[in-house]
N, C-alpha and C. Protein backbone atom coordinates (compact mmCIF):
# COMPACT_ATOMS: atom_id res chain seq x y z
N MET A 1 0.86 -1.15 -0.05
CA MET A 1 -0.04 -0.02 0.02
C MET A 1 0.92 1.18 0.02
N GLY A 2 0.56 2.20 -0.87
CA GLY A 2 1.33 3.38 -1.01
C GLY A 2 1.74 4.10 0.30
N GLY A 3 0.90 4.64 0.96
CA GLY A 3 1.31 5.47 2.08
C GLY A 3 1.37 4.83 3.44
N ARG A 4 1.14 3.52 3.53
CA ARG A 4 1.11 2.77 4.63
C ARG A 4 2.57 2.48 5.14
N ARG A 5 3.01 2.85 6.35
CA ARG A 5 4.33 2.63 6.75
C ARG A 5 4.44 1.48 7.80
N ALA A 6 5.54 0.84 7.77
CA ALA A 6 5.78 -0.24 8.74
C ALA A 6 6.17 0.30 10.02
N LEU A 7 5.53 -0.20 11.08
CA LEU A 7 5.85 0.29 12.43
C LEU A 7 6.75 -0.73 13.09
N PRO A 8 7.99 -0.32 13.49
CA PRO A 8 8.85 -1.28 14.19
C PRO A 8 8.14 -1.95 15.32
N VAL A 9 8.34 -3.28 15.44
CA VAL A 9 7.72 -3.99 16.50
C VAL A 9 8.24 -3.55 17.87
N MET A 10 9.51 -2.98 17.84
CA MET A 10 10.08 -2.55 19.09
C MET A 10 9.20 -1.38 19.70
N ARG A 11 8.57 -0.53 18.89
CA ARG A 11 7.75 0.52 19.37
C ARG A 11 6.50 -0.07 20.07
N ILE A 12 5.94 -1.12 19.48
CA ILE A 12 4.85 -1.71 20.10
C ILE A 12 5.21 -2.34 21.48
N GLY A 13 6.37 -2.88 21.51
CA GLY A 13 6.84 -3.41 22.81
C GLY A 13 6.95 -2.28 23.83
N GLU A 14 7.31 -1.16 23.48
CA GLU A 14 7.45 0.00 24.40
C GLU A 14 5.95 0.42 24.84
N LEU A 15 5.08 0.41 23.90
CA LEU A 15 3.65 0.69 24.17
C LEU A 15 3.05 -0.36 25.13
N LYS A 16 3.48 -1.64 24.80
CA LYS A 16 2.97 -2.70 25.73
C LYS A 16 3.42 -2.50 27.13
N LYS A 17 4.63 -2.03 27.35
CA LYS A 17 5.12 -1.78 28.70
C LYS A 17 4.25 -0.66 29.34
N LEU A 18 3.89 0.36 28.54
CA LEU A 18 3.05 1.39 29.14
C LEU A 18 1.60 0.87 29.53
N VAL A 19 1.14 -0.05 28.83
CA VAL A 19 -0.14 -0.66 29.14
C VAL A 19 0.08 -1.49 30.41
N GLU A 20 1.10 -2.27 30.53
CA GLU A 20 1.36 -3.02 31.71
C GLU A 20 1.63 -2.14 32.97
N GLU A 21 2.14 -0.99 32.79
CA GLU A 21 2.41 0.00 33.83
C GLU A 21 1.04 0.75 34.16
N GLY A 22 0.07 0.55 33.46
CA GLY A 22 -1.19 1.28 33.68
C GLY A 22 -1.22 2.75 33.18
N LYS A 23 -0.24 3.13 32.37
CA LYS A 23 -0.11 4.46 31.86
C LYS A 23 -0.98 4.70 30.67
N ILE A 24 -1.28 3.72 29.89
CA ILE A 24 -2.27 3.75 28.79
C ILE A 24 -3.02 2.53 28.93
N LYS A 25 -4.27 2.56 28.33
CA LYS A 25 -5.23 1.42 28.34
C LYS A 25 -5.15 0.56 27.06
N TYR A 26 -5.02 1.25 25.89
CA TYR A 26 -5.13 0.54 24.67
C TYR A 26 -4.04 0.97 23.65
N ILE A 27 -3.88 0.21 22.68
CA ILE A 27 -2.93 0.58 21.59
C ILE A 27 -3.66 0.51 20.29
N GLY A 28 -3.55 1.56 19.47
CA GLY A 28 -4.09 1.62 18.14
C GLY A 28 -3.06 1.96 17.19
N LEU A 29 -3.40 1.73 15.85
CA LEU A 29 -2.49 2.13 14.83
C LEU A 29 -3.26 2.92 13.80
N SER A 30 -2.50 3.66 12.94
CA SER A 30 -3.13 4.52 11.97
C SER A 30 -2.38 4.19 10.61
N GLU A 31 -3.17 3.94 9.59
CA GLU A 31 -2.62 3.78 8.26
C GLU A 31 -1.54 2.69 8.19
N ALA A 32 -1.79 1.60 8.81
CA ALA A 32 -0.89 0.50 8.90
C ALA A 32 -1.16 -0.60 7.81
N SER A 33 -0.24 -1.28 7.33
CA SER A 33 -0.45 -2.29 6.33
C SER A 33 -0.88 -3.57 7.15
N ALA A 34 -1.49 -4.51 6.38
CA ALA A 34 -1.99 -5.78 7.06
C ALA A 34 -0.85 -6.49 7.73
N SER A 35 0.36 -6.46 7.10
CA SER A 35 1.51 -7.26 7.74
C SER A 35 1.92 -6.49 8.99
N THR A 36 1.95 -5.09 9.02
CA THR A 36 2.24 -4.45 10.23
C THR A 36 1.25 -4.59 11.32
N ILE A 37 -0.03 -4.74 10.96
CA ILE A 37 -0.99 -4.98 11.92
C ILE A 37 -0.82 -6.41 12.59
N ARG A 38 -0.48 -7.27 11.76
CA ARG A 38 -0.30 -8.67 12.24
C ARG A 38 0.92 -8.68 13.23
N ARG A 39 2.07 -8.09 12.78
CA ARG A 39 3.31 -8.07 13.61
C ARG A 39 3.09 -7.39 14.95
N ALA A 40 2.41 -6.09 14.90
CA ALA A 40 2.07 -5.44 16.10
C ALA A 40 1.18 -6.21 17.01
N HIS A 41 0.13 -6.82 16.48
CA HIS A 41 -0.81 -7.55 17.26
C HIS A 41 -0.27 -8.76 17.98
N ALA A 42 0.82 -9.35 17.35
CA ALA A 42 1.56 -10.51 17.86
C ALA A 42 2.29 -10.05 19.14
N VAL A 43 2.69 -8.76 19.19
CA VAL A 43 3.37 -8.28 20.43
C VAL A 43 2.40 -7.90 21.53
N HIS A 44 1.36 -7.27 21.15
CA HIS A 44 0.32 -6.87 22.04
C HIS A 44 -0.99 -6.62 21.35
N PRO A 45 -2.12 -7.01 21.94
CA PRO A 45 -3.46 -6.81 21.16
C PRO A 45 -3.63 -5.38 20.71
N ILE A 46 -3.96 -5.20 19.47
CA ILE A 46 -4.30 -3.90 18.96
C ILE A 46 -5.71 -3.73 19.07
N THR A 47 -6.13 -2.57 19.67
CA THR A 47 -7.56 -2.29 19.85
C THR A 47 -8.30 -1.77 18.61
N ALA A 48 -7.61 -0.84 17.86
CA ALA A 48 -8.30 -0.21 16.67
C ALA A 48 -7.22 0.17 15.70
N VAL A 49 -7.70 0.18 14.45
CA VAL A 49 -6.85 0.66 13.36
C VAL A 49 -7.63 1.74 12.70
N GLN A 50 -6.93 2.96 12.51
CA GLN A 50 -7.57 4.11 11.77
C GLN A 50 -7.12 4.04 10.35
N LEU A 51 -8.05 4.27 9.43
CA LEU A 51 -7.71 4.17 8.00
C LEU A 51 -8.72 4.91 7.19
N GLU A 52 -8.34 5.32 6.00
CA GLU A 52 -9.37 6.05 5.15
C GLU A 52 -10.19 4.92 4.50
N TRP A 53 -11.57 5.16 4.68
CA TRP A 53 -12.49 4.18 4.08
C TRP A 53 -13.79 4.95 3.71
N SER A 54 -14.25 4.83 2.51
CA SER A 54 -15.43 5.43 2.06
C SER A 54 -15.86 4.85 0.71
N LEU A 55 -17.01 5.26 0.23
CA LEU A 55 -17.44 4.81 -1.08
C LEU A 55 -16.39 5.11 -2.17
N TRP A 56 -15.60 6.13 -1.87
CA TRP A 56 -14.59 6.59 -2.80
C TRP A 56 -13.22 6.07 -2.58
N SER A 57 -13.01 5.45 -1.42
CA SER A 57 -11.68 4.94 -1.10
C SER A 57 -11.82 3.55 -0.45
N ARG A 58 -11.75 2.52 -1.31
CA ARG A 58 -12.08 1.10 -0.88
C ARG A 58 -10.90 0.22 -0.93
N ASP A 59 -9.68 0.70 -1.13
CA ASP A 59 -8.57 -0.19 -1.30
C ASP A 59 -8.23 -1.03 -0.05
N VAL A 60 -8.67 -0.57 1.14
CA VAL A 60 -8.46 -1.17 2.43
C VAL A 60 -9.28 -2.57 2.49
N GLU A 61 -10.21 -2.72 1.68
CA GLU A 61 -11.07 -3.89 1.77
C GLU A 61 -10.46 -5.22 1.35
N GLU A 62 -9.42 -5.07 0.62
CA GLU A 62 -8.68 -6.26 0.13
C GLU A 62 -7.97 -6.99 1.26
N ASP A 63 -7.11 -6.27 1.94
CA ASP A 63 -6.23 -6.95 2.90
C ASP A 63 -6.43 -6.49 4.37
N ILE A 64 -6.57 -5.18 4.55
CA ILE A 64 -6.51 -4.57 5.90
C ILE A 64 -7.78 -4.82 6.63
N ILE A 65 -9.02 -4.61 6.05
CA ILE A 65 -10.22 -4.93 6.73
C ILE A 65 -10.35 -6.31 7.16
N PRO A 66 -10.10 -7.24 6.24
CA PRO A 66 -10.11 -8.68 6.59
C PRO A 66 -9.16 -9.07 7.73
N THR A 67 -7.95 -8.35 7.80
CA THR A 67 -7.00 -8.63 8.80
C THR A 67 -7.52 -8.13 10.18
N CYS A 68 -8.09 -7.00 10.17
CA CYS A 68 -8.62 -6.43 11.42
C CYS A 68 -9.72 -7.29 11.92
N ARG A 69 -10.66 -7.73 10.99
CA ARG A 69 -11.79 -8.56 11.46
C ARG A 69 -11.29 -9.94 11.93
N GLU A 70 -10.38 -10.48 11.33
CA GLU A 70 -9.75 -11.81 11.76
C GLU A 70 -9.18 -11.66 13.10
N LEU A 71 -8.54 -10.56 13.41
CA LEU A 71 -7.86 -10.38 14.77
C LEU A 71 -8.74 -9.72 15.79
N GLY A 72 -10.00 -9.39 15.42
CA GLY A 72 -10.90 -8.71 16.31
C GLY A 72 -10.54 -7.27 16.67
N ILE A 73 -10.05 -6.59 15.74
CA ILE A 73 -9.59 -5.20 15.89
C ILE A 73 -10.65 -4.18 15.33
N GLY A 74 -10.97 -3.32 16.06
CA GLY A 74 -11.98 -2.20 15.64
C GLY A 74 -11.37 -1.38 14.51
N ILE A 75 -12.31 -0.81 13.68
CA ILE A 75 -11.86 -0.06 12.58
C ILE A 75 -12.45 1.35 12.69
N VAL A 76 -11.59 2.35 12.72
CA VAL A 76 -11.91 3.75 12.68
C VAL A 76 -11.76 4.32 11.37
N ALA A 77 -12.81 4.56 10.63
CA ALA A 77 -12.80 5.07 9.23
C ALA A 77 -12.81 6.53 9.16
N TYR A 78 -11.68 7.13 8.77
CA TYR A 78 -11.66 8.57 8.64
C TYR A 78 -11.91 8.90 7.13
N SER A 79 -12.32 10.11 6.93
CA SER A 79 -12.77 10.65 5.62
C SER A 79 -13.83 9.83 4.98
N PRO A 80 -14.83 9.38 5.81
CA PRO A 80 -15.96 8.61 5.20
C PRO A 80 -16.70 9.36 4.14
N LEU A 81 -16.56 10.67 4.06
CA LEU A 81 -17.20 11.53 3.04
C LEU A 81 -16.29 11.85 1.89
N GLY A 82 -15.26 11.04 1.68
CA GLY A 82 -14.33 11.20 0.57
C GLY A 82 -13.62 12.60 0.62
N ARG A 83 -13.21 12.94 1.84
CA ARG A 83 -12.50 14.24 2.02
C ARG A 83 -13.44 15.40 1.56
N GLY A 84 -14.76 15.21 1.64
CA GLY A 84 -15.72 16.20 1.41
C GLY A 84 -16.31 16.14 -0.01
N PHE A 85 -15.76 15.28 -0.89
CA PHE A 85 -16.11 15.16 -2.30
C PHE A 85 -17.57 14.59 -2.33
N LEU A 86 -17.89 13.69 -1.49
CA LEU A 86 -19.15 13.01 -1.44
C LEU A 86 -20.28 13.81 -0.84
N CYS A 87 -19.93 15.07 -0.46
CA CYS A 87 -20.91 16.02 0.02
C CYS A 87 -21.47 16.87 -1.10
N GLY A 88 -20.57 17.22 -2.05
CA GLY A 88 -21.00 18.21 -3.05
C GLY A 88 -20.48 17.95 -4.41
N GLY A 89 -19.62 16.96 -4.52
CA GLY A 89 -19.12 16.70 -5.94
C GLY A 89 -18.01 17.63 -6.38
N ALA A 90 -17.96 17.77 -7.70
CA ALA A 90 -16.89 18.49 -8.31
C ALA A 90 -16.89 20.04 -7.91
N LYS A 91 -18.09 20.54 -7.50
CA LYS A 91 -18.17 21.98 -7.15
C LYS A 91 -17.28 22.21 -5.80
N LEU A 92 -17.10 21.24 -5.09
CA LEU A 92 -16.07 21.36 -3.93
C LEU A 92 -14.76 21.76 -4.35
N VAL A 93 -14.23 21.19 -5.40
CA VAL A 93 -12.90 21.52 -5.92
C VAL A 93 -12.76 22.98 -6.13
N ASP A 94 -13.77 23.57 -6.76
CA ASP A 94 -13.74 25.03 -7.04
C ASP A 94 -13.61 25.94 -5.87
N SER A 95 -14.10 25.37 -4.71
CA SER A 95 -14.20 26.21 -3.47
C SER A 95 -12.92 25.99 -2.66
N LEU A 96 -12.08 25.11 -3.00
CA LEU A 96 -10.92 24.96 -2.22
C LEU A 96 -9.83 26.09 -2.31
N SER A 97 -9.31 26.48 -1.21
CA SER A 97 -8.34 27.56 -1.17
C SER A 97 -6.96 26.97 -1.55
N GLU A 98 -6.07 27.82 -1.92
CA GLU A 98 -4.70 27.41 -2.26
C GLU A 98 -4.00 26.67 -1.07
N LYS A 99 -4.42 27.01 0.14
CA LYS A 99 -3.82 26.40 1.36
C LYS A 99 -4.41 25.04 1.67
N ASP A 100 -5.50 24.70 0.99
CA ASP A 100 -6.14 23.37 1.30
C ASP A 100 -5.35 22.26 0.64
N VAL A 101 -4.92 21.33 1.39
CA VAL A 101 -4.09 20.19 0.95
C VAL A 101 -4.82 19.36 -0.15
N ARG A 102 -6.11 19.25 -0.04
CA ARG A 102 -6.93 18.57 -0.99
C ARG A 102 -6.79 19.04 -2.46
N LYS A 103 -6.53 20.34 -2.50
CA LYS A 103 -6.39 20.91 -3.88
C LYS A 103 -5.23 20.27 -4.64
N TYR A 104 -4.31 19.67 -3.93
CA TYR A 104 -3.14 19.13 -4.53
C TYR A 104 -3.09 17.58 -4.57
N MET A 105 -4.19 16.95 -4.12
CA MET A 105 -4.25 15.52 -4.06
C MET A 105 -4.73 15.01 -5.55
N PRO A 106 -4.20 13.92 -5.98
CA PRO A 106 -4.47 13.39 -7.34
C PRO A 106 -6.04 13.32 -7.59
N ARG A 107 -6.83 12.96 -6.65
CA ARG A 107 -8.27 12.79 -6.87
C ARG A 107 -8.90 14.16 -7.21
N PHE A 108 -8.38 15.21 -6.75
CA PHE A 108 -9.01 16.57 -6.96
C PHE A 108 -8.35 17.27 -8.14
N GLN A 109 -7.49 16.66 -8.90
CA GLN A 109 -6.82 17.23 -10.12
C GLN A 109 -7.82 17.20 -11.27
N PRO A 110 -7.65 18.20 -12.13
CA PRO A 110 -8.56 18.23 -13.35
C PRO A 110 -8.77 16.93 -14.20
N GLU A 111 -7.56 16.20 -14.28
CA GLU A 111 -7.66 15.01 -15.13
C GLU A 111 -8.45 13.90 -14.41
N ASN A 112 -8.78 14.00 -13.20
CA ASN A 112 -9.54 13.01 -12.51
C ASN A 112 -11.03 13.47 -12.20
N ILE A 113 -11.27 14.78 -12.25
CA ILE A 113 -12.52 15.30 -11.78
C ILE A 113 -13.69 14.66 -12.60
N GLU A 114 -13.59 14.52 -13.88
CA GLU A 114 -14.73 13.96 -14.66
C GLU A 114 -15.18 12.60 -14.25
N LYS A 115 -14.16 11.69 -13.96
CA LYS A 115 -14.42 10.42 -13.50
C LYS A 115 -15.04 10.42 -12.13
N ASN A 116 -14.51 11.30 -11.30
CA ASN A 116 -15.07 11.40 -9.96
C ASN A 116 -16.38 12.01 -9.82
N ALA A 117 -16.61 12.96 -10.81
CA ALA A 117 -17.96 13.49 -10.86
C ALA A 117 -19.01 12.60 -11.30
N LYS A 118 -18.64 11.52 -12.06
CA LYS A 118 -19.63 10.48 -12.40
C LYS A 118 -19.90 9.67 -11.17
N ILE A 119 -18.92 9.39 -10.36
CA ILE A 119 -19.11 8.65 -9.12
C ILE A 119 -20.06 9.41 -8.25
N PHE A 120 -19.86 10.66 -8.16
CA PHE A 120 -20.78 11.52 -7.31
C PHE A 120 -22.22 11.52 -7.81
N GLU A 121 -22.31 11.59 -9.13
CA GLU A 121 -23.68 11.53 -9.71
C GLU A 121 -24.38 10.30 -9.40
N HIS A 122 -23.68 9.15 -9.35
CA HIS A 122 -24.32 7.88 -8.87
C HIS A 122 -24.69 7.91 -7.43
N VAL A 123 -23.86 8.43 -6.59
CA VAL A 123 -24.18 8.57 -5.20
C VAL A 123 -25.32 9.55 -5.00
N ASN A 124 -25.28 10.55 -5.73
CA ASN A 124 -26.33 11.57 -5.61
C ASN A 124 -27.77 10.93 -6.05
N ALA A 125 -27.77 10.19 -7.13
CA ALA A 125 -29.00 9.51 -7.58
C ALA A 125 -29.54 8.58 -6.61
N MET A 126 -28.58 7.68 -5.98
CA MET A 126 -28.97 6.79 -4.90
C MET A 126 -29.53 7.51 -3.74
N ALA A 127 -28.90 8.58 -3.37
CA ALA A 127 -29.29 9.37 -2.21
C ALA A 127 -30.89 9.93 -2.42
N ALA A 128 -31.03 10.44 -3.67
CA ALA A 128 -32.30 10.98 -3.98
C ALA A 128 -33.37 9.92 -3.80
N LYS A 129 -33.09 8.66 -4.25
CA LYS A 129 -34.01 7.58 -4.20
C LYS A 129 -34.34 7.28 -2.71
N LYS A 130 -33.29 7.37 -1.91
CA LYS A 130 -33.49 7.13 -0.45
C LYS A 130 -34.03 8.25 0.34
N GLY A 131 -34.07 9.46 -0.33
CA GLY A 131 -34.61 10.66 0.41
C GLY A 131 -33.67 11.22 1.38
N CYS A 132 -32.39 11.21 0.99
CA CYS A 132 -31.30 11.81 1.90
C CYS A 132 -30.27 12.55 1.06
N THR A 133 -29.35 13.11 1.66
CA THR A 133 -28.26 13.79 0.97
C THR A 133 -27.17 12.74 0.58
N PRO A 134 -26.40 13.14 -0.35
CA PRO A 134 -25.25 12.26 -0.69
C PRO A 134 -24.30 11.99 0.46
N SER A 135 -24.07 13.01 1.29
CA SER A 135 -23.14 12.86 2.38
C SER A 135 -23.73 11.84 3.41
N GLN A 136 -25.12 11.99 3.61
CA GLN A 136 -25.75 11.05 4.57
C GLN A 136 -25.70 9.61 4.03
N LEU A 137 -25.82 9.42 2.70
CA LEU A 137 -25.72 8.09 2.11
C LEU A 137 -24.33 7.56 2.31
N ALA A 138 -23.32 8.37 2.00
CA ALA A 138 -21.89 8.00 2.14
C ALA A 138 -21.59 7.55 3.54
N LEU A 139 -21.97 8.40 4.48
CA LEU A 139 -21.70 8.19 5.86
C LEU A 139 -22.41 6.92 6.32
N ALA A 140 -23.63 6.75 5.98
CA ALA A 140 -24.40 5.58 6.33
C ALA A 140 -23.79 4.27 5.82
N TRP A 141 -23.32 4.32 4.57
CA TRP A 141 -22.66 3.23 3.89
C TRP A 141 -21.46 2.73 4.78
N VAL A 142 -20.65 3.62 5.20
CA VAL A 142 -19.48 3.25 6.03
C VAL A 142 -20.04 2.71 7.36
N HIS A 143 -20.93 3.38 7.92
CA HIS A 143 -21.47 2.97 9.27
C HIS A 143 -22.06 1.53 9.22
N HIS A 144 -22.65 1.12 8.12
CA HIS A 144 -23.26 -0.08 7.88
C HIS A 144 -22.31 -1.22 7.47
N GLN A 145 -21.08 -0.95 7.42
CA GLN A 145 -20.15 -2.00 7.04
C GLN A 145 -19.83 -2.93 8.12
N GLY A 146 -20.35 -2.62 9.36
CA GLY A 146 -20.18 -3.59 10.40
C GLY A 146 -20.19 -2.97 11.81
N ASN A 147 -20.46 -3.70 12.87
CA ASN A 147 -20.50 -3.18 14.14
C ASN A 147 -19.10 -2.85 14.63
N ASP A 148 -18.07 -3.33 13.92
CA ASP A 148 -16.68 -3.05 14.29
C ASP A 148 -16.16 -1.77 13.62
N VAL A 149 -17.00 -0.95 12.91
CA VAL A 149 -16.61 0.14 12.21
C VAL A 149 -17.17 1.45 12.88
N CYS A 150 -16.28 2.40 13.10
CA CYS A 150 -16.69 3.73 13.59
C CYS A 150 -16.24 4.72 12.67
N PRO A 151 -17.11 5.34 11.80
CA PRO A 151 -16.70 6.42 10.97
C PRO A 151 -16.52 7.76 11.70
N ILE A 152 -15.52 8.53 11.34
CA ILE A 152 -15.29 9.84 11.93
C ILE A 152 -15.13 10.89 10.87
N PRO A 153 -16.24 11.43 10.50
CA PRO A 153 -16.26 12.51 9.56
C PRO A 153 -15.60 13.85 10.16
N GLY A 154 -14.82 14.52 9.33
CA GLY A 154 -14.20 15.76 9.80
C GLY A 154 -15.20 16.93 9.48
N THR A 155 -16.00 17.32 10.41
CA THR A 155 -17.01 18.26 10.26
C THR A 155 -16.63 19.62 10.88
N THR A 156 -16.74 20.65 10.09
CA THR A 156 -16.34 21.98 10.73
C THR A 156 -17.55 22.92 10.88
N LYS A 157 -18.66 22.62 10.25
CA LYS A 157 -19.83 23.39 10.33
C LYS A 157 -20.99 22.68 11.00
N ILE A 158 -21.72 23.43 11.88
CA ILE A 158 -22.90 22.83 12.60
C ILE A 158 -23.86 22.24 11.71
N GLU A 159 -24.18 22.87 10.57
CA GLU A 159 -25.23 22.39 9.72
C GLU A 159 -24.76 20.99 9.08
N ASN A 160 -23.42 20.87 8.87
CA ASN A 160 -22.85 19.56 8.39
C ASN A 160 -22.99 18.53 9.50
N PHE A 161 -22.67 18.92 10.70
CA PHE A 161 -22.76 18.00 11.89
C PHE A 161 -24.15 17.47 11.93
N ASN A 162 -25.23 18.36 11.87
CA ASN A 162 -26.55 17.95 12.02
C ASN A 162 -26.96 16.98 10.84
N GLN A 163 -26.48 17.28 9.70
CA GLN A 163 -26.74 16.38 8.51
C GLN A 163 -26.14 15.03 8.75
N ASN A 164 -24.92 14.99 9.26
CA ASN A 164 -24.21 13.77 9.56
C ASN A 164 -25.00 12.87 10.60
N VAL A 165 -25.55 13.55 11.62
CA VAL A 165 -26.38 12.80 12.60
C VAL A 165 -27.55 12.12 11.99
N GLY A 166 -28.10 12.76 10.93
CA GLY A 166 -29.26 12.11 10.25
C GLY A 166 -28.83 10.90 9.46
N ALA A 167 -27.55 10.71 9.19
CA ALA A 167 -27.08 9.44 8.54
C ALA A 167 -27.27 8.18 9.36
N HIS A 168 -27.32 8.40 10.69
CA HIS A 168 -27.47 7.33 11.57
C HIS A 168 -28.79 6.55 11.47
N CYS A 169 -29.79 7.24 10.93
CA CYS A 169 -31.13 6.77 10.82
C CYS A 169 -31.36 5.98 9.54
N LEU A 170 -30.37 6.05 8.63
CA LEU A 170 -30.55 5.33 7.32
C LEU A 170 -30.21 3.83 7.47
């Protein structure tokens, strides 16, 4: 996996000591590969793995999700709204400031916008059939992937927060 880094098992050993000393309760990983999760879990049980998972980003379903489920590790899904793209589609890209890191991500580049706009159109059409917003549908999709999944949308506006809460009912 591209951005997933291997975590030296030695660091997990140090965290294990902190658990044994009562200084921390649990150990979690972020953006770890399946092999790193397995190696770390062999040293001390891993409680949760944080990873990007959405209708738009599903590469973790091949190895990482099955590994977490096999080992009984909770899944914390960040960017369940596709870094905001599943809220408003291609128009989001036009509103990004030069300081917004998303403006420089491959998915938000002009050569990818047309393909991604089609994905958003499908999500939008499904949401309309369900009587909800595209973001509610996207968030509900992640939420319904299992009881071991906790989506964490990055919400900065109260109206978006209230809309996200509505996804729970879908």
